[in-house]
Amino acid sequence: MPSRNRTPLYVSIGLWGIGTRGMAMAFVWISLLGAAGISLYFSEPLGLILLFAAAWYWLAVKWMDANDGWAGRSAAENGSR
């Protein structure tokens, strides 16, 4: 179980308020779909912002997977009451 001090800043910020891997992956897919939709219908720079967000979520999820970070989350962070 990783300590909070070892979690990189980009992971802490990227997953702030997201308690489960499933929710984080939902944000990845929503960001990708939003980027595609916005790029097609509005403007490409706005779509690139969401594409950046999707990449950020993906990298944070990959770090958590590699470092068993999901098991280290407390019950409150995982959505349990």
C-alpha atoms as a PDB file:
ATOM      1  CA  MET A   1       0.000   0.000   0.000  1.00  0.00           C
ATOM      2  CA  PRO A   2       1.640   3.268  -1.061  1.00  0.00           C
ATOM      3  CA  SER A   3       1.814   6.072   1.414  1.00  0.00           C
ATOM      4  CA  ARG A   4       0.260   9.404   0.518  1.00  0.00           C
ATOM      5  CA  ASN A   5       3.735  10.961   0.514  1.00  0.00           C
ATOM      6  CA  ARG A   6       4.882   8.756  -2.404  1.00  0.00           C
ATOM      7  CA  THR A   7       1.965   9.633  -4.679  1.00  0.00           C
ATOM      8  CA  PRO A   8       3.140  12.083  -7.356  1.00  0.00           C
ATOM      9  CA  LEU A   9       1.456  15.466  -7.500  1.00  0.00           C
ATOM     10  CA  TYR A  10       0.007  14.854 -10.977  1.00  0.00           C
ATOM     11  CA  VAL A  11      -1.742  11.707  -9.677  1.00  0.00           C
ATOM     12  CA  SER A  12      -3.079  13.419  -6.558  1.00  0.00           C
ATOM     13  CA  ILE A  13      -4.447  16.344  -8.559  1.00  0.00           C
ATOM     14  CA  GLY A  14      -5.688  14.213 -11.456  1.00  0.00           C
ATOM     15  CA  LEU A  15      -7.636  11.835  -9.235  1.00  0.00           C
ATOM     16  CA  TRP A  16      -8.762  14.362  -6.649  1.00  0.00           C
ATOM     17  CA  GLY A  17     -12.321  13.438  -5.687  1.00  0.00           C
ATOM     18  CA  ILE A  18     -12.266  10.230  -7.766  1.00  0.00           C
ATOM     19  CA  GLY A  19     -12.375   7.202  -5.493  1.00  0.00           C
ATOM     20  CA  THR A  20     -12.435   4.190  -7.791  1.00  0.00           C
ATOM     21  CA  ARG A  21     -10.682   2.970 -10.901  1.00  0.00           C
ATOM     22  CA  GLY A  22     -14.006   2.563 -12.678  1.00  0.00           C
ATOM     23  CA  MET A  23     -14.897   6.187 -12.097  1.00  0.00           C
ATOM     24  CA  ALA A  24     -11.466   7.314 -13.285  1.00  0.00           C
ATOM     25  CA  MET A  25     -11.820   5.255 -16.475  1.00  0.00           C
ATOM     26  CA  ALA A  26     -15.270   6.755 -17.010  1.00  0.00           C
ATOM     27  CA  PHE A  27     -13.629  10.193 -16.911  1.00  0.00           C
ATOM     28  CA  VAL A  28     -11.080   9.005 -19.507  1.00  0.00           C
ATOM     29  CA  TRP A  29     -13.828   7.874 -21.892  1.00  0.00           C
ATOM     30  CA  ILE A  30     -16.019  10.924 -21.295  1.00  0.00           C
ATOM     31  CA  SER A  31     -13.030  13.180 -21.986  1.00  0.00           C
ATOM     32  CA  LEU A  32     -12.178  11.298 -25.192  1.00  0.00           C
ATOM     33  CA  LEU A  33     -15.756  11.391 -26.456  1.00  0.00           C
ATOM     34  CA  GLY A  34     -16.070  15.041 -25.501  1.00  0.00           C
ATOM     35  CA  ALA A  35     -12.827  15.876 -27.289  1.00  0.00           C
ATOM     36  CA  ALA A  36     -14.040  14.166 -30.454  1.00  0.00           C
ATOM     37  CA  GLY A  37     -17.439  15.848 -30.321  1.00  0.00           C
ATOM     38  CA  ILE A  38     -16.133  19.306 -29.576  1.00  0.00           C
ATOM     39  CA  SER A  39     -13.438  19.031 -32.250  1.00  0.00           C
ATOM     40  CA  LEU A  40     -15.999  17.996 -34.857  1.00  0.00           C
ATOM     41  CA  TYR A  41     -18.672  20.529 -34.024  1.00  0.00           C
ATOM     42  CA  PHE A  42     -16.974  23.539 -32.485  1.00  0.00           C
ATOM     43  CA  SER A  43     -13.240  24.105 -32.468  1.00  0.00           C
ATOM     44  CA  GLU A  44     -10.142  22.006 -32.314  1.00  0.00           C
ATOM     45  CA  PRO A  45      -8.378  23.901 -29.468  1.00  0.00           C
ATOM     46  CA  LEU A  46     -11.236  23.159 -27.081  1.00  0.00           C
ATOM     47  CA  GLY A  47     -11.098  19.495 -28.049  1.00  0.00           C
ATOM     48  CA  LEU A  48      -7.376  19.426 -27.380  1.00  0.00           C
ATOM     49  CA  ILE A  49      -7.994  20.545 -23.808  1.00  0.00           C
ATOM     50  CA  LEU A  50     -10.234  17.519 -23.220  1.00  0.00           C
ATOM     51  CA  LEU A  51      -7.721  15.284 -24.977  1.00  0.00           C
ATOM     52  CA  PHE A  52      -5.078  16.549 -22.548  1.00  0.00           C
ATOM     53  CA  ALA A  53      -7.455  15.783 -19.653  1.00  0.00           C
ATOM     54  CA  ALA A  54      -8.012  12.226 -20.932  1.00  0.00           C
ATOM     55  CA  ALA A  55      -4.261  11.650 -21.168  1.00  0.00           C
ATOM     56  CA  TRP A  56      -3.784  13.029 -17.660  1.00  0.00           C
ATOM     57  CA  TYR A  57      -6.472  10.708 -16.209  1.00  0.00           C
ATOM     58  CA  TRP A  58      -5.001   7.757 -18.115  1.00  0.00           C
ATOM     59  CA  LEU A  59      -1.478   8.383 -16.807  1.00  0.00           C
ATOM     60  CA  ALA A  60      -2.770   8.781 -13.252  1.00  0.00           C
ATOM     61  CA  VAL A  61      -4.740   5.512 -13.512  1.00  0.00           C
ATOM     62  CA  LYS A  62      -1.686   3.716 -14.887  1.00  0.00           C
ATOM     63  CA  TRP A  63       0.449   4.970 -11.973  1.00  0.00           C
ATOM     64  CA  MET A  64      -2.192   3.809  -9.477  1.00  0.00           C
ATOM     65  CA  ASP A  65      -2.361   0.391 -11.168  1.00  0.00           C
ATOM     66  CA  ALA A  66       1.409  -0.053 -11.165  1.00  0.00           C
ATOM     67  CA  ASN A  67       1.767   0.998  -7.533  1.00  0.00           C
ATOM     68  CA  ASP A  68      -1.288  -0.774  -6.066  1.00  0.00           C
ATOM     69  CA  GLY A  69      -2.700   2.635  -5.239  1.00  0.00           C
ATOM     70  CA  TRP A  70      -6.367   1.642  -5.440  1.00  0.00           C
ATOM     71  CA  ALA A  71      -5.965  -0.779  -2.525  1.00  0.00           C
ATOM     72  CA  GLY A  72      -4.461   2.034  -0.457  1.00  0.00           C
ATOM     73  CA  ARG A  73      -7.556   4.224  -0.711  1.00  0.00           C
ATOM     74  CA  SER A  74      -9.681   4.572   2.390  1.00  0.00           C
ATOM     75  CA  ALA A  75     -13.324   3.478   2.466  1.00  0.00           C
ATOM     76  CA  ALA A  76     -14.464   7.113   2.227  1.00  0.00           C
ATOM     77  CA  GLU A  77     -12.353   7.706  -0.889  1.00  0.00           C
ATOM     78  CA  ASN A  78     -13.692   4.521  -2.508  1.00  0.00           C
ATOM     79  CA  GLY A  79     -17.261   5.706  -2.144  1.00  0.00           C
ATOM     80  CA  SER A  80     -18.221   3.478   0.794  1.00  0.00           C
ATOM     81  CA  ARG A  81     -20.056   4.906   3.754  1.00  0.00           C
END
